Amino acid sequence: AFDHSSLRWFRAFTCLTAPRGLPSSPVQHGTISGDLNGLLSAPSWRTAIRIAIEREKGSHEFYNQAAKIARYPGTKQMFEFLAKEELKHRRILEEELNKDYSKEM
């Protein structure tokens, strides 16, 4: 049986605590002039991946905690699955971060 009370808790909690993504781009703030000055201060792709890795770690921990407090086996299983998915995402990002793209040029 699916635990709808846990799902309601999950929705409420994630709406209140979920990261809202990376800071908005310089374009959205109107800081880029005709010569694209704002792009010079944009974070590197490595920084973006590091941020994503940290978010995957946080998501993994969140789903693990949710699995621990789930009342029903089906709900626990769902959160455990989601936690494992976050580990996969983290590994993919770490592999990208560790690639040496200078060898490909």
PDB file of N, CA and C in Angstrom:
ATOM      1  N   ALA A   1       0.839  -1.190   0.000  1.00  0.00           N
ATOM      2  CA  ALA A   1       0.000   0.000   0.000  1.00  0.00           C
ATOM      3  C   ALA A   1       0.875   1.240   0.000  1.00  0.00           C
ATOM      4  N   PHE A   2       0.446   2.225  -0.738  1.00  0.00           N
ATOM      5  CA  PHE A   2       1.218   3.459  -0.836  1.00  0.00           C
ATOM      6  C   PHE A   2       0.866   4.375   0.320  1.00  0.00           C
ATOM      7  N   ASP A   3       1.838   4.966   0.909  1.00  0.00           N
ATOM      8  CA  ASP A   3       1.665   5.836   2.070  1.00  0.00           C
ATOM      9  C   ASP A   3       1.473   7.274   1.615  1.00  0.00           C
ATOM     10  N   HIS A   4       0.232   7.678   1.456  1.00  0.00           N
ATOM     11  CA  HIS A   4      -0.053   9.026   0.978  1.00  0.00           C
ATOM     12  C   HIS A   4       0.329  10.102   1.989  1.00  0.00           C
ATOM     13  N   SER A   5       0.293   9.784   3.283  1.00  0.00           N
ATOM     14  CA  SER A   5       0.672  10.788   4.276  1.00  0.00           C
ATOM     15  C   SER A   5       2.160  11.131   4.147  1.00  0.00           C
ATOM     16  N   SER A   6       2.985  10.140   3.839  1.00  0.00           N
ATOM     17  CA  SER A   6       4.409  10.415   3.644  1.00  0.00           C
ATOM     18  C   SER A   6       4.633  11.255   2.398  1.00  0.00           C
ATOM     19  N   LEU A   7       3.841  11.004   1.365  1.00  0.00           N
ATOM     20  CA  LEU A   7       3.970  11.782   0.142  1.00  0.00           C
ATOM     21  C   LEU A   7       3.595  13.236   0.398  1.00  0.00           C
ATOM     22  N   ARG A   8       2.542  13.472   1.166  1.00  0.00           N
ATOM     23  CA  ARG A   8       2.167  14.855   1.500  1.00  0.00           C
ATOM     24  C   ARG A   8       3.294  15.530   2.274  1.00  0.00           C
ATOM     25  N   TRP A   9       3.883  14.806   3.233  1.00  0.00           N
ATOM     26  CA  TRP A   9       5.000  15.359   3.993  1.00  0.00           C
ATOM     27  C   TRP A   9       6.161  15.664   3.058  1.00  0.00           C
ATOM     28  N   PHE A  10       6.451  14.726   2.157  1.00  0.00           N
ATOM     29  CA  PHE A  10       7.549  14.889   1.214  1.00  0.00           C
ATOM     30  C   PHE A  10       7.343  16.133   0.355  1.00  0.00           C
ATOM     31  N   ARG A  11       6.146  16.291  -0.196  1.00  0.00           N
ATOM     32  CA  ARG A  11       5.865  17.468  -1.023  1.00  0.00           C
ATOM     33  C   ARG A  11       6.044  18.759  -0.236  1.00  0.00           C
ATOM     34  N   ALA A  12       5.490  18.797   0.962  1.00  0.00           N
ATOM     35  CA  ALA A  12       5.590  20.007   1.783  1.00  0.00           C
ATOM     36  C   ALA A  12       7.041  20.295   2.128  1.00  0.00           C
ATOM     37  N   PHE A  13       7.786  19.271   2.503  1.00  0.00           N
ATOM     38  CA  PHE A  13       9.168  19.473   2.903  1.00  0.00           C
ATOM     39  C   PHE A  13      10.032  19.916   1.739  1.00  0.00           C
ATOM     40  N   THR A  14       9.875  19.278   0.592  1.00  0.00           N
ATOM     41  CA  THR A  14      10.722  19.631  -0.542  1.00  0.00           C
ATOM     42  C   THR A  14      10.388  21.008  -1.078  1.00  0.00           C
ATOM     43  N   CYS A  15       9.146  21.412  -0.987  1.00  0.00           N
ATOM     44  CA  CYS A  15       8.785  22.764  -1.436  1.00  0.00           C
ATOM     45  C   CYS A  15       9.440  23.819  -0.554  1.00  0.00           C
ATOM     46  N   LEU A  16       9.618  23.492   0.714  1.00  0.00           N
ATOM     47  CA  LEU A  16      10.199  24.461   1.639  1.00  0.00           C
ATOM     48  C   LEU A  16      11.716  24.449   1.639  1.00  0.00           C
ATOM     49  N   THR A  17      12.328  23.297   1.329  1.00  0.00           N
ATOM     50  CA  THR A  17      13.777  23.187   1.505  1.00  0.00           C
ATOM     51  C   THR A  17      14.553  22.899   0.241  1.00  0.00           C
ATOM     52  N   ALA A  18      13.896  22.572  -0.840  1.00  0.00           N
ATOM     53  CA  ALA A  18      14.622  22.198  -2.055  1.00  0.00           C
ATOM     54  C   ALA A  18      15.404  23.384  -2.602  1.00  0.00           C
ATOM     55  N   PRO A  19      16.635  23.124  -3.046  1.00  0.00           N
ATOM     56  CA  PRO A  19      17.404  24.199  -3.670  1.00  0.00           C
ATOM     57  C   PRO A  19      16.682  24.701  -4.905  1.00  0.00           C
ATOM     58  N   ARG A  20      16.799  25.934  -5.163  1.00  0.00           N
ATOM     59  CA  ARG A  20      16.100  26.542  -6.291  1.00  0.00           C
ATOM     60  C   ARG A  20      16.960  26.593  -7.545  1.00  0.00           C
ATOM     61  N   GLY A  21      18.022  25.859  -7.597  1.00  0.00           N
ATOM     62  CA  GLY A  21      18.875  25.846  -8.780  1.00  0.00           C
ATOM     63  C   GLY A  21      20.024  26.822  -8.635  1.00  0.00           C
ATOM     64  N   LEU A  22      20.821  26.889  -9.663  1.00  0.00           N
ATOM     65  CA  LEU A  22      21.959  27.797  -9.660  1.00  0.00           C
ATOM     66  C   LEU A  22      21.476  29.238  -9.692  1.00  0.00           C
ATOM     67  N   PRO A  23      22.294  30.149  -9.203  1.00  0.00           N
ATOM     68  CA  PRO A  23      21.903  31.554  -9.306  1.00  0.00           C
ATOM     69  C   PRO A  23      21.579  31.897 -10.754  1.00  0.00           C
ATOM     70  N   SER A  24      20.670  32.807 -10.911  1.00  0.00           N
ATOM     71  CA  SER A  24      20.252  33.148 -12.269  1.00  0.00           C
ATOM     72  C   SER A  24      21.408  33.749 -13.057  1.00  0.00           C
ATOM     73  N   SER A  25      21.291  33.699 -14.331  1.00  0.00           N
ATOM     74  CA  SER A  25      22.378  34.109 -15.207  1.00  0.00           C
ATOM     75  C   SER A  25      22.509  35.626 -15.271  1.00  0.00           C
ATOM     76  N   PRO A  26      23.685  36.107 -15.692  1.00  0.00           N
ATOM     77  CA  PRO A  26      23.860  37.553 -15.868  1.00  0.00           C
ATOM     78  C   PRO A  26      22.862  38.128 -16.866  1.00  0.00           C
ATOM     79  N   VAL A  27      22.436  37.325 -17.823  1.00  0.00           N
ATOM     80  CA  VAL A  27      21.474  37.803 -18.809  1.00  0.00           C
ATOM     81  C   VAL A  27      20.171  38.170 -18.118  1.00  0.00           C
ATOM     82  N   GLN A  28      19.727  37.318 -17.183  1.00  0.00           N
ATOM     83  CA  GLN A  28      18.479  37.576 -16.484  1.00  0.00           C
ATOM     84  C   GLN A  28      18.565  38.829 -15.620  1.00  0.00           C
ATOM     85  N   HIS A  29      19.743  39.153 -15.143  1.00  0.00           N
ATOM     86  CA  HIS A  29      19.912  40.341 -14.313  1.00  0.00           C
ATOM     87  C   HIS A  29      20.190  41.595 -15.128  1.00  0.00           C
ATOM     88  N   GLY A  30      20.359  41.435 -16.410  1.00  0.00           N
ATOM     89  CA  GLY A  30      20.632  42.590 -17.244  1.00  0.00           C
ATOM     90  C   GLY A  30      22.025  43.154 -17.059  1.00  0.00           C
ATOM     91  N   THR A  31      22.965  42.335 -16.589  1.00  0.00           N
ATOM     92  CA  THR A  31      24.321  42.824 -16.356  1.00  0.00           C
ATOM     93  C   THR A  31      25.215  42.670 -17.572  1.00  0.00           C
ATOM     94  N   ILE A  32      24.730  42.014 -18.603  1.00  0.00           N
ATOM     95  CA  ILE A  32      25.553  41.851 -19.802  1.00  0.00           C
ATOM     96  C   ILE A  32      25.274  43.004 -20.742  1.00  0.00           C
ATOM     97  N   SER A  33      26.331  43.696 -21.064  1.00  0.00           N
ATOM     98  CA  SER A  33      26.183  44.789 -22.012  1.00  0.00           C
ATOM     99  C   SER A  33      26.430  44.245 -23.413  1.00  0.00           C
ATOM    100  N   GLY A  34      26.477  45.122 -24.378  1.00  0.00           N
ATOM    101  CA  GLY A  34      26.684  44.700 -25.753  1.00  0.00           C
ATOM    102  C   GLY A  34      27.962  43.909 -25.955  1.00  0.00           C
ATOM    103  N   ASP A  35      28.986  44.140 -25.107  1.00  0.00           N
ATOM    104  CA  ASP A  35      30.250  43.425 -25.286  1.00  0.00           C
ATOM    105  C   ASP A  35      30.372  42.191 -24.385  1.00  0.00           C
ATOM    106  N   LEU A  36      29.277  41.758 -23.787  1.00  0.00           N
ATOM    107  CA  LEU A  36      29.212  40.535 -22.981  1.00  0.00           C
ATOM    108  C   LEU A  36      30.120  40.553 -21.753  1.00  0.00           C
ATOM    109  N   ASN A  37      30.256  41.696 -21.099  1.00  0.00           N
ATOM    110  CA  ASN A  37      31.099  41.798 -19.907  1.00  0.00           C
ATOM    111  C   ASN A  37      30.690  40.836 -18.807  1.00  0.00           C
ATOM    112  N   GLY A  38      29.405  40.604 -18.624  1.00  0.00           N
ATOM    113  CA  GLY A  38      28.922  39.769 -17.532  1.00  0.00           C
ATOM    114  C   GLY A  38      29.376  38.329 -17.619  1.00  0.00           C
ATOM    115  N   LEU A  39      29.656  37.849 -18.804  1.00  0.00           N
ATOM    116  CA  LEU A  39      30.069  36.455 -18.945  1.00  0.00           C
ATOM    117  C   LEU A  39      31.450  36.200 -18.367  1.00  0.00           C
ATOM    118  N   LEU A  40      32.271  37.222 -18.256  1.00  0.00           N
ATOM    119  CA  LEU A  40      33.615  37.043 -17.723  1.00  0.00           C
ATOM    120  C   LEU A  40      33.598  36.645 -16.256  1.00  0.00           C
ATOM    121  N   SER A  41      32.544  37.021 -15.538  1.00  0.00           N
ATOM    122  CA  SER A  41      32.472  36.686 -14.118  1.00  0.00           C
ATOM    123  C   SER A  41      31.621  35.440 -13.855  1.00  0.00           C
ATOM    124  N   ALA A  42      31.128  34.808 -14.895  1.00  0.00           N
ATOM    125  CA  ALA A  42      30.307  33.615 -14.722  1.00  0.00           C
ATOM    126  C   ALA A  42      31.165  32.478 -14.161  1.00  0.00           C
ATOM    127  N   PRO A  43      30.572  31.600 -13.336  1.00  0.00           N
ATOM    128  CA  PRO A  43      31.348  30.481 -12.790  1.00  0.00           C
ATOM    129  C   PRO A  43      31.802  29.526 -13.890  1.00  0.00           C
ATOM    130  N   SER A  44      32.931  28.882 -13.654  1.00  0.00           N
ATOM    131  CA  SER A  44      33.450  27.927 -14.631  1.00  0.00           C
ATOM    132  C   SER A  44      32.576  26.679 -14.647  1.00  0.00           C
ATOM    133  N   TRP A  45      32.751  25.856 -15.660  1.00  0.00           N
ATOM    134  CA  TRP A  45      31.990  24.615 -15.736  1.00  0.00           C
ATOM    135  C   TRP A  45      32.366  23.702 -14.582  1.00  0.00           C
ATOM    136  N   ARG A  46      33.617  23.769 -14.129  1.00  0.00           N
ATOM    137  CA  ARG A  46      34.025  22.947 -12.986  1.00  0.00           C
ATOM    138  C   ARG A  46      33.299  23.376 -11.714  1.00  0.00           C
ATOM    139  N   THR A  47      33.145  24.678 -11.547  1.00  0.00           N
ATOM    140  CA  THR A  47      32.413  25.189 -10.384  1.00  0.00           C
ATOM    141  C   THR A  47      30.963  24.736 -10.435  1.00  0.00           C
ATOM    142  N   ALA A  48      30.371  24.802 -11.612  1.00  0.00           N
ATOM    143  CA  ALA A  48      28.979  24.374 -11.765  1.00  0.00           C
ATOM    144  C   ALA A  48      28.833  22.888 -11.420  1.00  0.00           C
ATOM    145  N   ILE A  49      29.787  22.064 -11.849  1.00  0.00           N
ATOM    146  CA  ILE A  49      29.717  20.635 -11.535  1.00  0.00           C
ATOM    147  C   ILE A  49      29.912  20.401 -10.045  1.00  0.00           C
ATOM    148  N   ARG A  50      30.817  21.137  -9.425  1.00  0.00           N
ATOM    149  CA  ARG A  50      31.015  20.992  -7.969  1.00  0.00           C
ATOM    150  C   ARG A  50      29.742  21.348  -7.209  1.00  0.00           C
ATOM    151  N   ILE A  51      29.075  22.403  -7.642  1.00  0.00           N
ATOM    152  CA  ILE A  51      27.803  22.787  -7.011  1.00  0.00           C
ATOM    153  C   ILE A  51      26.782  21.665  -7.194  1.00  0.00           C
ATOM    154  N   ALA A  52      26.718  21.113  -8.393  1.00  0.00           N
ATOM    155  CA  ALA A  52      25.771  20.031  -8.662  1.00  0.00           C
ATOM    156  C   ALA A  52      26.081  18.800  -7.803  1.00  0.00           C
ATOM    157  N   ILE A  53      27.350  18.498  -7.612  1.00  0.00           N
ATOM    158  CA  ILE A  53      27.741  17.361  -6.770  1.00  0.00           C
ATOM    159  C   ILE A  53      27.267  17.572  -5.343  1.00  0.00           C
ATOM    160  N   GLU A  54      27.456  18.771  -4.830  1.00  0.00           N
ATOM    161  CA  GLU A  54      27.000  19.066  -3.467  1.00  0.00           C
ATOM    162  C   GLU A  54      25.489  18.931  -3.343  1.00  0.00           C
ATOM    163  N   ARG A  55      24.779  19.332  -4.359  1.00  0.00           N
ATOM    164  CA  ARG A  55      23.315  19.192  -4.339  1.00  0.00           C
ATOM    165  C   ARG A  55      22.893  17.732  -4.409  1.00  0.00           C
ATOM    166  N   GLU A  56      23.632  16.932  -5.159  1.00  0.00           N
ATOM    167  CA  GLU A  56      23.331  15.503  -5.214  1.00  0.00           C
ATOM    168  C   GLU A  56      23.571  14.863  -3.848  1.00  0.00           C
ATOM    169  N   LYS A  57      24.635  15.281  -3.170  1.00  0.00           N
ATOM    170  CA  LYS A  57      24.902  14.768  -1.821  1.00  0.00           C
ATOM    171  C   LYS A  57      23.740  15.108  -0.888  1.00  0.00           C
ATOM    172  N   GLY A  58      23.281  16.353  -0.955  1.00  0.00           N
ATOM    173  CA  GLY A  58      22.167  16.779  -0.109  1.00  0.00           C
ATOM    174  C   GLY A  58      20.888  16.026  -0.420  1.00  0.00           C
ATOM    175  N   SER A  59      20.628  15.807  -1.697  1.00  0.00           N
ATOM    176  CA  SER A  59      19.432  15.067  -2.097  1.00  0.00           C
ATOM    177  C   SER A  59      19.509  13.615  -1.622  1.00  0.00           C
ATOM    178  N   HIS A  60      20.690  13.021  -1.746  1.00  0.00           N
ATOM    179  CA  HIS A  60      20.876  11.645  -1.278  1.00  0.00           C
ATOM    180  C   HIS A  60      20.584  11.542   0.208  1.00  0.00           C
ATOM    181  N   GLU A  61      21.116  12.461   0.972  1.00  0.00           N
ATOM    182  CA  GLU A  61      20.888  12.454   2.418  1.00  0.00           C
ATOM    183  C   GLU A  61      19.408  12.665   2.740  1.00  0.00           C
ATOM    184  N   PHE A  62      18.768  13.575   2.028  1.00  0.00           N
ATOM    185  CA  PHE A  62      17.343  13.828   2.241  1.00  0.00           C
ATOM    186  C   PHE A  62      16.530  12.555   2.017  1.00  0.00           C
ATOM    187  N   TYR A  63      16.763  11.870   0.886  1.00  0.00           N
ATOM    188  CA  TYR A  63      15.999  10.663   0.585  1.00  0.00           C
ATOM    189  C   TYR A  63      16.306   9.545   1.572  1.00  0.00           C
ATOM    190  N   ASN A  64      17.551   9.451   2.034  1.00  0.00           N
ATOM    191  CA  ASN A  64      17.873   8.457   3.059  1.00  0.00           C
ATOM    192  C   ASN A  64      17.102   8.726   4.344  1.00  0.00           C
ATOM    193  N   GLN A  65      17.056   9.991   4.749  1.00  0.00           N
ATOM    194  CA  GLN A  65      16.314  10.341   5.961  1.00  0.00           C
ATOM    195  C   GLN A  65      14.822  10.079   5.785  1.00  0.00           C
ATOM    196  N   ALA A  66      14.294  10.400   4.616  1.00  0.00           N
ATOM    197  CA  ALA A  66      12.879  10.155   4.346  1.00  0.00           C
ATOM    198  C   ALA A  66      12.581   8.657   4.400  1.00  0.00           C
ATOM    199  N   ALA A  67      13.495   7.835   3.888  1.00  0.00           N
ATOM    200  CA  ALA A  67      13.307   6.378   3.922  1.00  0.00           C
ATOM    201  C   ALA A  67      13.282   5.872   5.359  1.00  0.00           C
ATOM    202  N   LYS A  68      14.093   6.479   6.207  1.00  0.00           N
ATOM    203  CA  LYS A  68      14.155   6.041   7.612  1.00  0.00           C
ATOM    204  C   LYS A  68      12.853   6.313   8.359  1.00  0.00           C
ATOM    205  N   ILE A  69      12.147   7.375   7.982  1.00  0.00           N
ATOM    206  CA  ILE A  69      10.930   7.722   8.727  1.00  0.00           C
ATOM    207  C   ILE A  69       9.650   7.292   8.015  1.00  0.00           C
ATOM    208  N   ALA A  70       9.787   6.704   6.834  1.00  0.00           N
ATOM    209  CA  ALA A  70       8.601   6.257   6.087  1.00  0.00           C
ATOM    210  C   ALA A  70       7.857   5.192   6.897  1.00  0.00           C
ATOM    211  N   ARG A  71       6.543   5.277   6.890  1.00  0.00           N
ATOM    212  CA  ARG A  71       5.711   4.344   7.669  1.00  0.00           C
ATOM    213  C   ARG A  71       5.437   3.037   6.942  1.00  0.00           C
ATOM    214  N   TYR A  72       5.428   3.088   5.630  1.00  0.00           N
ATOM    215  CA  TYR A  72       5.022   1.922   4.861  1.00  0.00           C
ATOM    216  C   TYR A  72       6.178   1.429   3.991  1.00  0.00           C
ATOM    217  N   PRO A  73       6.252   0.116   3.791  1.00  0.00           N
ATOM    218  CA  PRO A  73       7.350  -0.454   3.000  1.00  0.00           C
ATOM    219  C   PRO A  73       7.460   0.124   1.588  1.00  0.00           C
ATOM    220  N   GLY A  74       6.329   0.350   0.933  1.00  0.00           N
ATOM    221  CA  GLY A  74       6.366   0.890  -0.424  1.00  0.00           C
ATOM    222  C   GLY A  74       6.968   2.283  -0.472  1.00  0.00           C
ATOM    223  N   THR A  75       6.639   3.086   0.515  1.00  0.00           N
ATOM    224  CA  THR A  75       7.179   4.449   0.583  1.00  0.00           C
ATOM    225  C   THR A  75       8.670   4.409   0.881  1.00  0.00           C
ATOM    226  N   LYS A  76       9.048   3.544   1.821  1.00  0.00           N
ATOM    227  CA  LYS A  76      10.464   3.383   2.155  1.00  0.00           C
ATOM    228  C   LYS A  76      11.250   2.954   0.919  1.00  0.00           C
ATOM    229  N   GLN A  77      10.693   2.013   0.184  1.00  0.00           N
ATOM    230  CA  GLN A  77      11.351   1.506  -1.022  1.00  0.00           C
ATOM    231  C   GLN A  77      11.517   2.625  -2.056  1.00  0.00           C
ATOM    232  N   MET A  78      10.508   3.468  -2.203  1.00  0.00           N
ATOM    233  CA  MET A  78      10.585   4.567  -3.160  1.00  0.00           C
ATOM    234  C   MET A  78      11.728   5.528  -2.789  1.00  0.00           C
ATOM    235  N   PHE A  79      11.805   5.896  -1.505  1.00  0.00           N
ATOM    236  CA  PHE A  79      12.857   6.821  -1.085  1.00  0.00           C
ATOM    237  C   PHE A  79      14.243   6.188  -1.193  1.00  0.00           C
ATOM    238  N   GLU A  80      14.344   4.903  -0.913  1.00  0.00           N
ATOM    239  CA  GLU A  80      15.633   4.223  -1.072  1.00  0.00           C
ATOM    240  C   GLU A  80      16.058   4.214  -2.537  1.00  0.00           C
ATOM    241  N   PHE A  81      15.105   3.991  -3.431  1.00  0.00           N
ATOM    242  CA  PHE A  81      15.391   4.032  -4.863  1.00  0.00           C
ATOM    243  C   PHE A  81      15.887   5.422  -5.265  1.00  0.00           C
ATOM    244  N   LEU A  82      15.194   6.455  -4.807  1.00  0.00           N
ATOM    245  CA  LEU A  82      15.585   7.827  -5.150  1.00  0.00           C
ATOM    246  C   LEU A  82      16.980   8.153  -4.600  1.00  0.00           C
ATOM    247  N   ALA A  83      17.288   7.677  -3.411  1.00  0.00           N
ATOM    248  CA  ALA A  83      18.624   7.902  -2.836  1.00  0.00           C
ATOM    249  C   ALA A  83      19.699   7.261  -3.713  1.00  0.00           C
ATOM    250  N   LYS A  84      19.434   6.052  -4.199  1.00  0.00           N
ATOM    251  CA  LYS A  84      20.394   5.376  -5.080  1.00  0.00           C
ATOM    252  C   LYS A  84      20.572   6.136  -6.397  1.00  0.00           C
ATOM    253  N   GLU A  85      19.475   6.690  -6.900  1.00  0.00           N
ATOM    254  CA  GLU A  85      19.560   7.478  -8.128  1.00  0.00           C
ATOM    255  C   GLU A  85      20.460   8.698  -7.930  1.00  0.00           C
ATOM    256  N   GLU A  86      20.359   9.334  -6.780  1.00  0.00           N
ATOM    257  CA  GLU A  86      21.213  10.493  -6.498  1.00  0.00           C
ATOM    258  C   GLU A  86      22.680  10.098  -6.464  1.00  0.00           C
ATOM    259  N   LEU A  87      22.981   8.909  -5.949  1.00  0.00           N
ATOM    260  CA  LEU A  87      24.373   8.421  -5.968  1.00  0.00           C
ATOM    261  C   LEU A  87      24.866   8.238  -7.393  1.00  0.00           C
ATOM    262  N   LYS A  88      23.998   7.720  -8.269  1.00  0.00           N
ATOM    263  CA  LYS A  88      24.375   7.556  -9.676  1.00  0.00           C
ATOM    264  C   LYS A  88      24.674   8.913 -10.305  1.00  0.00           C
ATOM    265  N   HIS A  89      23.805   9.879 -10.035  1.00  0.00           N
ATOM    266  CA  HIS A  89      24.011  11.224 -10.592  1.00  0.00           C
ATOM    267  C   HIS A  89      25.341  11.797 -10.105  1.00  0.00           C
ATOM    268  N   ARG A  90      25.618  11.616  -8.818  1.00  0.00           N
ATOM    269  CA  ARG A  90      26.867  12.133  -8.244  1.00  0.00           C
ATOM    270  C   ARG A  90      28.079  11.502  -8.925  1.00  0.00           C
ATOM    271  N   ARG A  91      28.033  10.182  -9.136  1.00  0.00           N
ATOM    272  CA  ARG A  91      29.159   9.501  -9.795  1.00  0.00           C
ATOM    273  C   ARG A  91      29.377  10.029 -11.213  1.00  0.00           C
ATOM    274  N   ILE A  92      28.291  10.244 -11.937  1.00  0.00           N
ATOM    275  CA  ILE A  92      28.400  10.783 -13.296  1.00  0.00           C
ATOM    276  C   ILE A  92      29.063  12.155 -13.271  1.00  0.00           C
ATOM    277  N   LEU A  93      28.627  12.999 -12.349  1.00  0.00           N
ATOM    278  CA  LEU A  93      29.195  14.347 -12.247  1.00  0.00           C
ATOM    279  C   LEU A  93      30.666  14.294 -11.845  1.00  0.00           C
ATOM    280  N   GLU A  94      31.002  13.410 -10.915  1.00  0.00           N
ATOM    281  CA  GLU A  94      32.402  13.285 -10.495  1.00  0.00           C
ATOM    282  C   GLU A  94      33.279  12.797 -11.640  1.00  0.00           C
ATOM    283  N   GLU A  95      32.755  11.899 -12.456  1.00  0.00           N
ATOM    284  CA  GLU A  95      33.509  11.443 -13.627  1.00  0.00           C
ATOM    285  C   GLU A  95      33.763  12.598 -14.588  1.00  0.00           C
ATOM    286  N   GLU A  96      32.761  13.419 -14.808  1.00  0.00           N
ATOM    287  CA  GLU A  96      32.925  14.588 -15.682  1.00  0.00           C
ATOM    288  C   GLU A  96      33.964  15.542 -15.118  1.00  0.00           C
ATOM    289  N   LEU A  97      33.907  15.762 -13.822  1.00  0.00           N
ATOM    290  CA  LEU A  97      34.840  16.685 -13.177  1.00  0.00           C
ATOM    291  C   LEU A  97      36.275  16.186 -13.292  1.00  0.00           C
ATOM    292  N   ASN A  98      36.462  14.888 -13.279  1.00  0.00           N
ATOM    293  CA  ASN A  98      37.807  14.313 -13.308  1.00  0.00           C
ATOM    294  C   ASN A  98      38.359  14.084 -14.716  1.00  0.00           C
ATOM    295  N   LYS A  99      37.542  14.323 -15.730  1.00  0.00           N
ATOM    296  CA  LYS A  99      38.028  14.152 -17.102  1.00  0.00           C
ATOM    297  C   LYS A  99      39.067  15.210 -17.442  1.00  0.00           C
ATOM    298  N   ASP A 100      40.033  14.810 -18.246  1.00  0.00           N
ATOM    299  CA  ASP A 100      41.051  15.749 -18.708  1.00  0.00           C
ATOM    300  C   ASP A 100      40.719  16.113 -20.150  1.00  0.00           C
ATOM    301  N   TYR A 101      40.005  17.192 -20.335  1.00  0.00           N
ATOM    302  CA  TYR A 101      39.582  17.588 -21.661  1.00  0.00           C
ATOM    303  C   TYR A 101      40.723  18.162 -22.500  1.00  0.00           C
ATOM    304  N   SER A 102      41.839  18.502 -21.855  1.00  0.00           N
ATOM    305  CA  SER A 102      42.963  19.029 -22.643  1.00  0.00           C
ATOM    306  C   SER A 102      43.547  17.957 -23.564  1.00  0.00           C
ATOM    307  N   LYS A 103      43.398  16.684 -23.188  1.00  0.00           N
ATOM    308  CA  LYS A 103      43.885  15.585 -24.033  1.00  0.00           C
ATOM    309  C   LYS A 103      43.048  15.424 -25.291  1.00  0.00           C
ATOM    310  N   GLU A 104      41.809  15.888 -25.247  1.00  0.00           N
ATOM    311  CA  GLU A 104      40.921  15.736 -26.390  1.00  0.00           C
ATOM    312  C   GLU A 104      41.106  16.840 -27.418  1.00  0.00           C
ATOM    313  N   MET A 105      41.857  17.849 -27.110  1.00  0.00           N
ATOM    314  CA  MET A 105      42.022  18.987 -28.024  1.00  0.00           C
ATOM    315  C   MET A 105      43.151  18.764 -28.974  1.00  0.00           C
TER     316      MET A 105
END
